[in-house]
Amino acid sequence: MFHSDQGSQYASRKFRQRLWRCRMTQSMSRRGNCWDNAPMERLFRSLKSEWIPALGYRGLLQAEKDVGGYLMGYYNRQRPHSFNGGISPVAAEEKLKILSGIS
């Protein structure tokens, strides 16, 4: 999945063909609504400022492992989010399940 705004560079035929060749699905925010992409912008800001080493990574495999660990291990399971009242997304989901009687 590749999500972006509706900028001309992302809507161009050449770019869309490149995504197709890489077997990626394209997703675009609604026209004229800058808030659509705000959650992803916030995620990337956190990733860059909290996690990625200042000197970068030695290789792609190291980057994939480390960023995957951040997203699945830390960001979703441990990192407090103000939107969720200071708890992690996983904890917020569990709380919702308990309150709604799903679990």
PDB file of N, CA and C in Angstrom:
ATOM      1  N   MET A   1       0.852  -1.175   0.000  1.00  0.00           N
ATOM      2  CA  MET A   1       0.000   0.000   0.000  1.00  0.00           C
ATOM      3  C   MET A   1       0.894   1.233   0.000  1.00  0.00           C
ATOM      4  N   PHE A   2       0.626   2.146  -0.908  1.00  0.00           N
ATOM      5  CA  PHE A   2       1.339   3.419  -0.959  1.00  0.00           C
ATOM      6  C   PHE A   2       0.299   4.528  -0.854  1.00  0.00           C
ATOM      7  N   HIS A   3       0.324   5.275   0.245  1.00  0.00           N
ATOM      8  CA  HIS A   3      -0.642   6.351   0.455  1.00  0.00           C
ATOM      9  C   HIS A   3       0.032   7.704   0.286  1.00  0.00           C
ATOM     10  N   SER A   4      -0.655   8.610  -0.390  1.00  0.00           N
ATOM     11  CA  SER A   4      -0.113   9.952  -0.603  1.00  0.00           C
ATOM     12  C   SER A   4      -1.258  10.942  -0.771  1.00  0.00           C
ATOM     13  N   ASP A   5      -0.879  12.208  -0.921  1.00  0.00           N
ATOM     14  CA  ASP A   5      -1.876  13.198  -1.308  1.00  0.00           C
ATOM     15  C   ASP A   5      -2.072  13.080  -2.822  1.00  0.00           C
ATOM     16  N   GLN A   6      -2.849  13.980  -3.404  1.00  0.00           N
ATOM     17  CA  GLN A   6      -3.130  13.894  -4.833  1.00  0.00           C
ATOM     18  C   GLN A   6      -2.188  14.756  -5.663  1.00  0.00           C
ATOM     19  N   GLY A   7      -0.970  14.905  -5.206  1.00  0.00           N
ATOM     20  CA  GLY A   7       0.017  15.677  -5.952  1.00  0.00           C
ATOM     21  C   GLY A   7       0.243  15.104  -7.341  1.00  0.00           C
ATOM     22  N   SER A   8       0.598  15.974  -8.274  1.00  0.00           N
ATOM     23  CA  SER A   8       0.762  15.547  -9.666  1.00  0.00           C
ATOM     24  C   SER A   8       1.821  14.464  -9.822  1.00  0.00           C
ATOM     25  N   GLN A   9       2.860  14.494  -8.984  1.00  0.00           N
ATOM     26  CA  GLN A   9       3.899  13.474  -9.100  1.00  0.00           C
ATOM     27  C   GLN A   9       3.362  12.089  -8.747  1.00  0.00           C
ATOM     28  N   TYR A  10       2.389  12.015  -7.834  1.00  0.00           N
ATOM     29  CA  TYR A  10       1.822  10.724  -7.439  1.00  0.00           C
ATOM     30  C   TYR A  10       0.711  10.264  -8.382  1.00  0.00           C
ATOM     31  N   ALA A  11       0.098  11.208  -9.077  1.00  0.00           N
ATOM     32  CA  ALA A  11      -0.992  10.876  -9.995  1.00  0.00           C
ATOM     33  C   ALA A  11      -0.496  10.611 -11.414  1.00  0.00           C
ATOM     34  N   SER A  12       0.773  10.848 -11.663  1.00  0.00           N
ATOM     35  CA  SER A  12       1.302  10.688 -13.019  1.00  0.00           C
ATOM     36  C   SER A  12       1.259   9.225 -13.463  1.00  0.00           C
ATOM     37  N   ARG A  13       1.126   9.036 -14.740  1.00  0.00           N
ATOM     38  CA  ARG A  13       1.079   7.689 -15.310  1.00  0.00           C
ATOM     39  C   ARG A  13       2.361   6.917 -14.990  1.00  0.00           C
ATOM     40  N   LYS A  14       3.500   7.585 -15.111  1.00  0.00           N
ATOM     41  CA  LYS A  14       4.787   6.928 -14.875  1.00  0.00           C
ATOM     42  C   LYS A  14       4.875   6.397 -13.437  1.00  0.00           C
ATOM     43  N   PHE A  15       4.448   7.209 -12.476  1.00  0.00           N
ATOM     44  CA  PHE A  15       4.507   6.794 -11.074  1.00  0.00           C
ATOM     45  C   PHE A  15       3.537   5.643 -10.810  1.00  0.00           C
ATOM     46  N   ARG A  16       2.323   5.747 -11.345  1.00  0.00           N
ATOM     47  CA  ARG A  16       1.333   4.688 -11.140  1.00  0.00           C
ATOM     48  C   ARG A  16       1.798   3.372 -11.758  1.00  0.00           C
ATOM     49  N   GLN A  17       2.467   3.444 -12.919  1.00  0.00           N
ATOM     50  CA  GLN A  17       3.002   2.233 -13.542  1.00  0.00           C
ATOM     51  C   GLN A  17       4.099   1.608 -12.685  1.00  0.00           C
ATOM     52  N   ARG A  18       4.924   2.450 -12.089  1.00  0.00           N
ATOM     53  CA  ARG A  18       5.987   1.942 -11.217  1.00  0.00           C
ATOM     54  C   ARG A  18       5.383   1.207 -10.014  1.00  0.00           C
ATOM     55  N   LEU A  19       4.340   1.786  -9.429  1.00  0.00           N
ATOM     56  CA  LEU A  19       3.674   1.104  -8.319  1.00  0.00           C
ATOM     57  C   LEU A  19       3.096  -0.233  -8.776  1.00  0.00           C
ATOM     58  N   TRP A  20       2.487  -0.250  -9.945  1.00  0.00           N
ATOM     59  CA  TRP A  20       1.893  -1.469 -10.475  1.00  0.00           C
ATOM     60  C   TRP A  20       2.963  -2.544 -10.664  1.00  0.00           C
ATOM     61  N   ARG A  21       4.126  -2.155 -11.210  1.00  0.00           N
ATOM     62  CA  ARG A  21       5.212  -3.113 -11.411  1.00  0.00           C
ATOM     63  C   ARG A  21       5.716  -3.681 -10.085  1.00  0.00           C
ATOM     64  N   CYS A  22       5.647  -2.884  -9.046  1.00  0.00           N
ATOM     65  CA  CYS A  22       6.078  -3.337  -7.711  1.00  0.00           C
ATOM     66  C   CYS A  22       4.947  -4.021  -6.952  1.00  0.00           C
ATOM     67  N   ARG A  23       3.816  -4.203  -7.622  1.00  0.00           N
ATOM     68  CA  ARG A  23       2.629  -4.837  -7.034  1.00  0.00           C
ATOM     69  C   ARG A  23       2.142  -4.106  -5.789  1.00  0.00           C
ATOM     70  N   MET A  24       2.162  -2.787  -5.863  1.00  0.00           N
ATOM     71  CA  MET A  24       1.698  -1.962  -4.744  1.00  0.00           C
ATOM     72  C   MET A  24       0.364  -1.322  -5.096  1.00  0.00           C
ATOM     73  N   THR A  25      -0.527  -1.279  -4.132  1.00  0.00           N
ATOM     74  CA  THR A  25      -1.811  -0.615  -4.289  1.00  0.00           C
ATOM     75  C   THR A  25      -1.644   0.852  -3.928  1.00  0.00           C
ATOM     76  N   GLN A  26      -2.221   1.724  -4.730  1.00  0.00           N
ATOM     77  CA  GLN A  26      -2.122   3.153  -4.461  1.00  0.00           C
ATOM     78  C   GLN A  26      -3.370   3.643  -3.741  1.00  0.00           C
ATOM     79  N   SER A  27      -3.151   4.484  -2.756  1.00  0.00           N
ATOM     80  CA  SER A  27      -4.226   5.107  -1.999  1.00  0.00           C
ATOM     81  C   SER A  27      -3.939   6.598  -1.941  1.00  0.00           C
ATOM     82  N   MET A  28      -4.963   7.413  -2.169  1.00  0.00           N
ATOM     83  CA  MET A  28      -4.780   8.868  -2.128  1.00  0.00           C
ATOM     84  C   MET A  28      -5.808   9.496  -1.203  1.00  0.00           C
ATOM     85  N   SER A  29      -5.374  10.541  -0.516  1.00  0.00           N
ATOM     86  CA  SER A  29      -6.297  11.272   0.341  1.00  0.00           C
ATOM     87  C   SER A  29      -7.285  12.047  -0.531  1.00  0.00           C
ATOM     88  N   ARG A  30      -8.347  12.510   0.091  1.00  0.00           N
ATOM     89  CA  ARG A  30      -9.356  13.263  -0.655  1.00  0.00           C
ATOM     90  C   ARG A  30      -8.791  14.608  -1.097  1.00  0.00           C
ATOM     91  N   ARG A  31      -9.256  15.068  -2.217  1.00  0.00           N
ATOM     92  CA  ARG A  31      -8.801  16.342  -2.766  1.00  0.00           C
ATOM     93  C   ARG A  31      -9.168  17.489  -1.822  1.00  0.00           C
ATOM     94  N   GLY A  32      -8.179  18.315  -1.534  1.00  0.00           N
ATOM     95  CA  GLY A  32      -8.414  19.512  -0.737  1.00  0.00           C
ATOM     96  C   GLY A  32      -8.598  19.275   0.749  1.00  0.00           C
ATOM     97  N   ASN A  33      -8.320  18.066   1.225  1.00  0.00           N
ATOM     98  CA  ASN A  33      -8.476  17.792   2.650  1.00  0.00           C
ATOM     99  C   ASN A  33      -7.127  17.379   3.234  1.00  0.00           C
ATOM    100  N   CYS A  34      -6.404  18.352   3.745  1.00  0.00           N
ATOM    101  CA  CYS A  34      -5.055  18.097   4.252  1.00  0.00           C
ATOM    102  C   CYS A  34      -5.048  17.204   5.484  1.00  0.00           C
ATOM    103  N   TRP A  35      -6.179  17.068   6.164  1.00  0.00           N
ATOM    104  CA  TRP A  35      -6.216  16.268   7.392  1.00  0.00           C
ATOM    105  C   TRP A  35      -6.244  14.775   7.122  1.00  0.00           C
ATOM    106  N   ASP A  36      -6.561  14.364   5.901  1.00  0.00           N
ATOM    107  CA  ASP A  36      -6.611  12.936   5.587  1.00  0.00           C
ATOM    108  C   ASP A  36      -5.293  12.232   5.874  1.00  0.00           C
ATOM    109  N   ASN A  37      -4.202  12.892   5.598  1.00  0.00           N
ATOM    110  CA  ASN A  37      -2.895  12.257   5.725  1.00  0.00           C
ATOM    111  C   ASN A  37      -2.223  12.553   7.070  1.00  0.00           C
ATOM    112  N   ALA A  38      -2.885  13.288   7.942  1.00  0.00           N
ATOM    113  CA  ALA A  38      -2.278  13.700   9.214  1.00  0.00           C
ATOM    114  C   ALA A  38      -1.801  12.532  10.077  1.00  0.00           C
ATOM    115  N   PRO A  39      -2.564  11.438  10.214  1.00  0.00           N
ATOM    116  CA  PRO A  39      -2.057  10.332  11.045  1.00  0.00           C
ATOM    117  C   PRO A  39      -0.748   9.740  10.521  1.00  0.00           C
ATOM    118  N   MET A  40      -0.625   9.614   9.205  1.00  0.00           N
ATOM    119  CA  MET A  40       0.618   9.064   8.646  1.00  0.00           C
ATOM    120  C   MET A  40       1.773  10.041   8.805  1.00  0.00           C
ATOM    121  N   GLU A  41       1.496  11.319   8.620  1.00  0.00           N
ATOM    122  CA  GLU A  41       2.545  12.326   8.815  1.00  0.00           C
ATOM    123  C   GLU A  41       3.047  12.277  10.254  1.00  0.00           C
ATOM    124  N   ARG A  42       2.144  12.098  11.205  1.00  0.00           N
ATOM    125  CA  ARG A  42       2.520  12.021  12.620  1.00  0.00           C
ATOM    126  C   ARG A  42       3.346  10.777  12.895  1.00  0.00           C
ATOM    127  N   LEU A  43       2.952   9.655  12.307  1.00  0.00           N
ATOM    128  CA  LEU A  43       3.710   8.415  12.471  1.00  0.00           C
ATOM    129  C   LEU A  43       5.140   8.592  11.967  1.00  0.00           C
ATOM    130  N   PHE A  44       5.289   9.145  10.764  1.00  0.00           N
ATOM    131  CA  PHE A  44       6.631   9.306  10.204  1.00  0.00           C
ATOM    132  C   PHE A  44       7.454  10.311  10.998  1.00  0.00           C
ATOM    133  N   ARG A  45       6.810  11.345  11.529  1.00  0.00           N
ATOM    134  CA  ARG A  45       7.544  12.293  12.371  1.00  0.00           C
ATOM    135  C   ARG A  45       8.081  11.589  13.610  1.00  0.00           C
ATOM    136  N   SER A  46       7.241  10.774  14.242  1.00  0.00           N
ATOM    137  CA  SER A  46       7.677  10.028  15.424  1.00  0.00           C
ATOM    138  C   SER A  46       8.796   9.054  15.075  1.00  0.00           C
ATOM    139  N   LEU A  47       8.640   8.346  13.988  1.00  0.00           N
ATOM    140  CA  LEU A  47       9.656   7.386  13.558  1.00  0.00           C
ATOM    141  C   LEU A  47      11.005   8.070  13.362  1.00  0.00           C
ATOM    142  N   LYS A  48      10.994   9.187  12.648  1.00  0.00           N
ATOM    143  CA  LYS A  48      12.251   9.898  12.366  1.00  0.00           C
ATOM    144  C   LYS A  48      12.868  10.508  13.614  1.00  0.00           C
ATOM    145  N   SER A  49      12.038  11.101  14.472  1.00  0.00           N
ATOM    146  CA  SER A  49      12.597  11.818  15.624  1.00  0.00           C
ATOM    147  C   SER A  49      12.898  10.911  16.817  1.00  0.00           C
ATOM    148  N   GLU A  50      12.183   9.802  16.954  1.00  0.00           N
ATOM    149  CA  GLU A  50      12.347   8.938  18.123  1.00  0.00           C
ATOM    150  C   GLU A  50      13.204   7.707  17.871  1.00  0.00           C
ATOM    151  N   TRP A  51      13.331   7.277  16.637  1.00  0.00           N
ATOM    152  CA  TRP A  51      13.851   5.934  16.428  1.00  0.00           C
ATOM    153  C   TRP A  51      15.022   5.830  15.464  1.00  0.00           C
ATOM    154  N   ILE A  52      14.899   6.380  14.287  1.00  0.00           N
ATOM    155  CA  ILE A  52      15.935   6.182  13.265  1.00  0.00           C
ATOM    156  C   ILE A  52      17.245   6.821  13.717  1.00  0.00           C
ATOM    157  N   PRO A  53      18.351   6.068  13.667  1.00  0.00           N
ATOM    158  CA  PRO A  53      19.646   6.617  14.080  1.00  0.00           C
ATOM    159  C   PRO A  53      20.042   7.828  13.238  1.00  0.00           C
ATOM    160  N   ALA A  54      20.705   8.772  13.860  1.00  0.00           N
ATOM    161  CA  ALA A  54      21.113  10.003  13.166  1.00  0.00           C
ATOM    162  C   ALA A  54      21.961   9.706  11.936  1.00  0.00           C
ATOM    163  N   LEU A  55      22.755   8.660  11.980  1.00  0.00           N
ATOM    164  CA  LEU A  55      23.620   8.318  10.847  1.00  0.00           C
ATOM    165  C   LEU A  55      22.982   7.298   9.911  1.00  0.00           C
ATOM    166  N   GLY A  56      21.734   6.962  10.145  1.00  0.00           N
ATOM    167  CA  GLY A  56      21.034   6.029   9.271  1.00  0.00           C
ATOM    168  C   GLY A  56      21.403   4.581   9.547  1.00  0.00           C
ATOM    169  N   TYR A  57      21.153   3.728   8.579  1.00  0.00           N
ATOM    170  CA  TYR A  57      21.398   2.293   8.705  1.00  0.00           C
ATOM    171  C   TYR A  57      22.504   1.857   7.754  1.00  0.00           C
ATOM    172  N   ARG A  58      23.143   0.742   8.094  1.00  0.00           N
ATOM    173  CA  ARG A  58      24.213   0.211   7.241  1.00  0.00           C
ATOM    174  C   ARG A  58      23.664  -0.495   6.014  1.00  0.00           C
ATOM    175  N   GLY A  59      22.461  -0.989   6.091  1.00  0.00           N
ATOM    176  CA  GLY A  59      21.888  -1.705   4.958  1.00  0.00           C
ATOM    177  C   GLY A  59      20.379  -1.802   5.053  1.00  0.00           C
ATOM    178  N   LEU A  60      19.779  -2.238   3.969  1.00  0.00           N
ATOM    179  CA  LEU A  60      18.329  -2.342   3.881  1.00  0.00           C
ATOM    180  C   LEU A  60      17.765  -3.340   4.891  1.00  0.00           C
ATOM    181  N   LEU A  61      18.408  -4.481   5.045  1.00  0.00           N
ATOM    182  CA  LEU A  61      17.900  -5.490   5.982  1.00  0.00           C
ATOM    183  C   LEU A  61      17.886  -4.974   7.414  1.00  0.00           C
ATOM    184  N   GLN A  62      18.932  -4.249   7.792  1.00  0.00           N
ATOM    185  CA  GLN A  62      18.983  -3.674   9.135  1.00  0.00           C
ATOM    186  C   GLN A  62      17.849  -2.660   9.313  1.00  0.00           C
ATOM    187  N   ALA A  63      17.625  -1.828   8.297  1.00  0.00           N
ATOM    188  CA  ALA A  63      16.562  -0.823   8.358  1.00  0.00           C
ATOM    189  C   ALA A  63      15.190  -1.488   8.454  1.00  0.00           C
ATOM    190  N   GLU A  64      14.952  -2.504   7.626  1.00  0.00           N
ATOM    191  CA  GLU A  64      13.664  -3.202   7.649  1.00  0.00           C
ATOM    192  C   GLU A  64      13.389  -3.820   9.018  1.00  0.00           C
ATOM    193  N   LYS A  65      14.386  -4.473   9.581  1.00  0.00           N
ATOM    194  CA  LYS A  65      14.220  -5.118  10.888  1.00  0.00           C
ATOM    195  C   LYS A  65      13.959  -4.083  11.981  1.00  0.00           C
ATOM    196  N   ASP A  66      14.723  -3.013  11.976  1.00  0.00           N
ATOM    197  CA  ASP A  66      14.596  -2.008  13.019  1.00  0.00           C
ATOM    198  C   ASP A  66      13.279  -1.232  12.922  1.00  0.00           C
ATOM    199  N   VAL A  67      12.914  -0.816  11.724  1.00  0.00           N
ATOM    200  CA  VAL A  67      11.665  -0.066  11.545  1.00  0.00           C
ATOM    201  C   VAL A  67      10.464  -0.974  11.828  1.00  0.00           C
ATOM    202  N   GLY A  68      10.536  -2.224  11.388  1.00  0.00           N
ATOM    203  CA  GLY A  68       9.469  -3.177  11.701  1.00  0.00           C
ATOM    204  C   GLY A  68       9.313  -3.370  13.200  1.00  0.00           C
ATOM    205  N   GLY A  69      10.442  -3.442  13.902  1.00  0.00           N
ATOM    206  CA  GLY A  69      10.409  -3.566  15.359  1.00  0.00           C
ATOM    207  C   GLY A  69       9.791  -2.350  16.021  1.00  0.00           C
ATOM    208  N   TYR A  70      10.100  -1.173  15.471  1.00  0.00           N
ATOM    209  CA  TYR A  70       9.521   0.062  16.011  1.00  0.00           C
ATOM    210  C   TYR A  70       8.006   0.061  15.842  1.00  0.00           C
ATOM    211  N   LEU A  71       7.556  -0.247  14.634  1.00  0.00           N
ATOM    212  CA  LEU A  71       6.122  -0.184  14.347  1.00  0.00           C
ATOM    213  C   LEU A  71       5.334  -1.245  15.102  1.00  0.00           C
ATOM    214  N   MET A  72       5.772  -2.491  15.017  1.00  0.00           N
ATOM    215  CA  MET A  72       4.998  -3.590  15.588  1.00  0.00           C
ATOM    216  C   MET A  72       5.285  -3.829  17.068  1.00  0.00           C
ATOM    217  N   GLY A  73       6.495  -3.517  17.488  1.00  0.00           N
ATOM    218  CA  GLY A  73       6.855  -3.774  18.873  1.00  0.00           C
ATOM    219  C   GLY A  73       6.674  -2.586  19.790  1.00  0.00           C
ATOM    220  N   TYR A  74       7.121  -1.430  19.346  1.00  0.00           N
ATOM    221  CA  TYR A  74       7.094  -0.262  20.225  1.00  0.00           C
ATOM    222  C   TYR A  74       5.908   0.658  19.945  1.00  0.00           C
ATOM    223  N   TYR A  75       5.780   1.160  18.728  1.00  0.00           N
ATOM    224  CA  TYR A  75       4.779   2.183  18.411  1.00  0.00           C
ATOM    225  C   TYR A  75       3.360   1.698  18.710  1.00  0.00           C
ATOM    226  N   ASN A  76       3.039   0.483  18.328  1.00  0.00           N
ATOM    227  CA  ASN A  76       1.680  -0.032  18.522  1.00  0.00           C
ATOM    228  C   ASN A  76       1.434  -0.642  19.896  1.00  0.00           C
ATOM    229  N   ARG A  77       2.471  -1.189  20.517  1.00  0.00           N
ATOM    230  CA  ARG A  77       2.274  -1.947  21.758  1.00  0.00           C
ATOM    231  C   ARG A  77       2.687  -1.220  23.033  1.00  0.00           C
ATOM    232  N   GLN A  78       3.656  -0.291  22.942  1.00  0.00           N
ATOM    233  CA  GLN A  78       4.183   0.327  24.152  1.00  0.00           C
ATOM    234  C   GLN A  78       4.058   1.846  24.188  1.00  0.00           C
ATOM    235  N   ARG A  79       4.243   2.495  23.054  1.00  0.00           N
ATOM    236  CA  ARG A  79       4.315   3.953  23.026  1.00  0.00           C
ATOM    237  C   ARG A  79       2.971   4.576  23.403  1.00  0.00           C
ATOM    238  N   PRO A  80       2.961   5.460  24.415  1.00  0.00           N
ATOM    239  CA  PRO A  80       1.708   6.138  24.760  1.00  0.00           C
ATOM    240  C   PRO A  80       1.295   7.118  23.657  1.00  0.00           C
ATOM    241  N   HIS A  81       0.019   7.170  23.357  1.00  0.00           N
ATOM    242  CA  HIS A  81      -0.522   8.075  22.345  1.00  0.00           C
ATOM    243  C   HIS A  81      -1.518   9.009  23.027  1.00  0.00           C
ATOM    244  N   SER A  82      -1.349  10.298  22.839  1.00  0.00           N
ATOM    245  CA  SER A  82      -2.248  11.258  23.487  1.00  0.00           C
ATOM    246  C   SER A  82      -3.688  11.079  23.007  1.00  0.00           C
ATOM    247  N   PHE A  83      -3.876  10.687  21.757  1.00  0.00           N
ATOM    248  CA  PHE A  83      -5.216  10.472  21.214  1.00  0.00           C
ATOM    249  C   PHE A  83      -5.960   9.385  21.990  1.00  0.00           C
ATOM    250  N   ASN A  84      -5.207   8.414  22.512  1.00  0.00           N
ATOM    251  CA  ASN A  84      -5.800   7.292  23.251  1.00  0.00           C
ATOM    252  C   ASN A  84      -5.767   7.503  24.755  1.00  0.00           C
ATOM    253  N   GLY A  85      -5.625   8.733  25.187  1.00  0.00           N
ATOM    254  CA  GLY A  85      -5.587   8.999  26.618  1.00  0.00           C
ATOM    255  C   GLY A  85      -4.297   8.555  27.280  1.00  0.00           C
ATOM    256  N   GLY A  86      -3.220   8.533  26.512  1.00  0.00           N
ATOM    257  CA  GLY A  86      -1.918   8.184  27.065  1.00  0.00           C
ATOM    258  C   GLY A  86      -1.609   6.702  27.107  1.00  0.00           C
ATOM    259  N   ILE A  87      -2.406   5.887  26.416  1.00  0.00           N
ATOM    260  CA  ILE A  87      -2.102   4.453  26.351  1.00  0.00           C
ATOM    261  C   ILE A  87      -1.778   4.066  24.911  1.00  0.00           C
ATOM    262  N   SER A  88      -1.197   2.892  24.741  1.00  0.00           N
ATOM    263  CA  SER A  88      -0.797   2.434  23.409  1.00  0.00           C
ATOM    264  C   SER A  88      -2.024   2.067  22.572  1.00  0.00           C
ATOM    265  N   PRO A  89      -1.879   2.006  21.241  1.00  0.00           N
ATOM    266  CA  PRO A  89      -2.996   1.581  20.398  1.00  0.00           C
ATOM    267  C   PRO A  89      -3.503   0.179  20.744  1.00  0.00           C
ATOM    268  N   VAL A  90      -2.597  -0.746  21.047  1.00  0.00           N
ATOM    269  CA  VAL A  90      -3.025  -2.099  21.400  1.00  0.00           C
ATOM    270  C   VAL A  90      -3.829  -2.084  22.701  1.00  0.00           C
ATOM    271  N   ALA A  91      -3.358  -1.331  23.688  1.00  0.00           N
ATOM    272  CA  ALA A  91      -4.090  -1.230  24.956  1.00  0.00           C
ATOM    273  C   ALA A  91      -5.450  -0.568  24.748  1.00  0.00           C
ATOM    274  N   ALA A  92      -5.507   0.439  23.882  1.00  0.00           N
ATOM    275  CA  ALA A  92      -6.781   1.110  23.594  1.00  0.00           C
ATOM    276  C   ALA A  92      -7.758   0.155  22.919  1.00  0.00           C
ATOM    277  N   GLU A  93      -7.260  -0.676  22.012  1.00  0.00           N
ATOM    278  CA  GLU A  93      -8.117  -1.646  21.338  1.00  0.00           C
ATOM    279  C   GLU A  93      -8.641  -2.693  22.324  1.00  0.00           C
ATOM    280  N   GLU A  94      -7.760  -3.165  23.201  1.00  0.00           N
ATOM    281  CA  GLU A  94      -8.184  -4.136  24.217  1.00  0.00           C
ATOM    282  C   GLU A  94      -9.238  -3.531  25.145  1.00  0.00           C
ATOM    283  N   LYS A  95      -9.033  -2.295  25.536  1.00  0.00           N
ATOM    284  CA  LYS A  95      -9.993  -1.601  26.400  1.00  0.00           C
ATOM    285  C   LYS A  95     -11.355  -1.495  25.710  1.00  0.00           C
ATOM    286  N   LEU A  96     -11.342  -1.153  24.424  1.00  0.00           N
ATOM    287  CA  LEU A  96     -12.581  -1.051  23.659  1.00  0.00           C
ATOM    288  C   LEU A  96     -13.290  -2.401  23.572  1.00  0.00           C
ATOM    289  N   LYS A  97     -12.523  -3.463  23.357  1.00  0.00           N
ATOM    290  CA  LYS A  97     -13.119  -4.803  23.292  1.00  0.00           C
ATOM    291  C   LYS A  97     -13.793  -5.166  24.613  1.00  0.00           C
ATOM    292  N   ILE A  98     -13.126  -4.867  25.708  1.00  0.00           N
ATOM    293  CA  ILE A  98     -13.694  -5.177  27.029  1.00  0.00           C
ATOM    294  C   ILE A  98     -14.970  -4.374  27.260  1.00  0.00           C
ATOM    295  N   LEU A  99     -14.921  -3.076  26.958  1.00  0.00           N
ATOM    296  CA  LEU A  99     -16.085  -2.215  27.175  1.00  0.00           C
ATOM    297  C   LEU A  99     -17.266  -2.596  26.292  1.00  0.00           C
ATOM    298  N   SER A 100     -16.978  -3.102  25.090  1.00  0.00           N
ATOM    299  CA  SER A 100     -18.059  -3.458  24.171  1.00  0.00           C
ATOM    300  C   SER A 100     -18.476  -4.920  24.300  1.00  0.00           C
ATOM    301  N   GLY A 101     -17.764  -5.668  25.156  1.00  0.00           N
ATOM    302  CA  GLY A 101     -18.114  -7.067  25.367  1.00  0.00           C
ATOM    303  C   GLY A 101     -17.687  -7.992  24.254  1.00  0.00           C
ATOM    304  N   ILE A 102     -16.709  -7.588  23.444  1.00  0.00           N
ATOM    305  CA  ILE A 102     -16.257  -8.403  22.314  1.00  0.00           C
ATOM    306  C   ILE A 102     -15.292  -9.499  22.752  1.00  0.00           C
ATOM    307  N   SER A 103     -14.448  -9.219  23.722  1.00  0.00           N
ATOM    308  CA  SER A 103     -13.401 -10.185  24.095  1.00  0.00           C
ATOM    309  C   SER A 103     -13.903 -11.333  24.869  1.00  0.00           C
TER     310      SER A 103
END
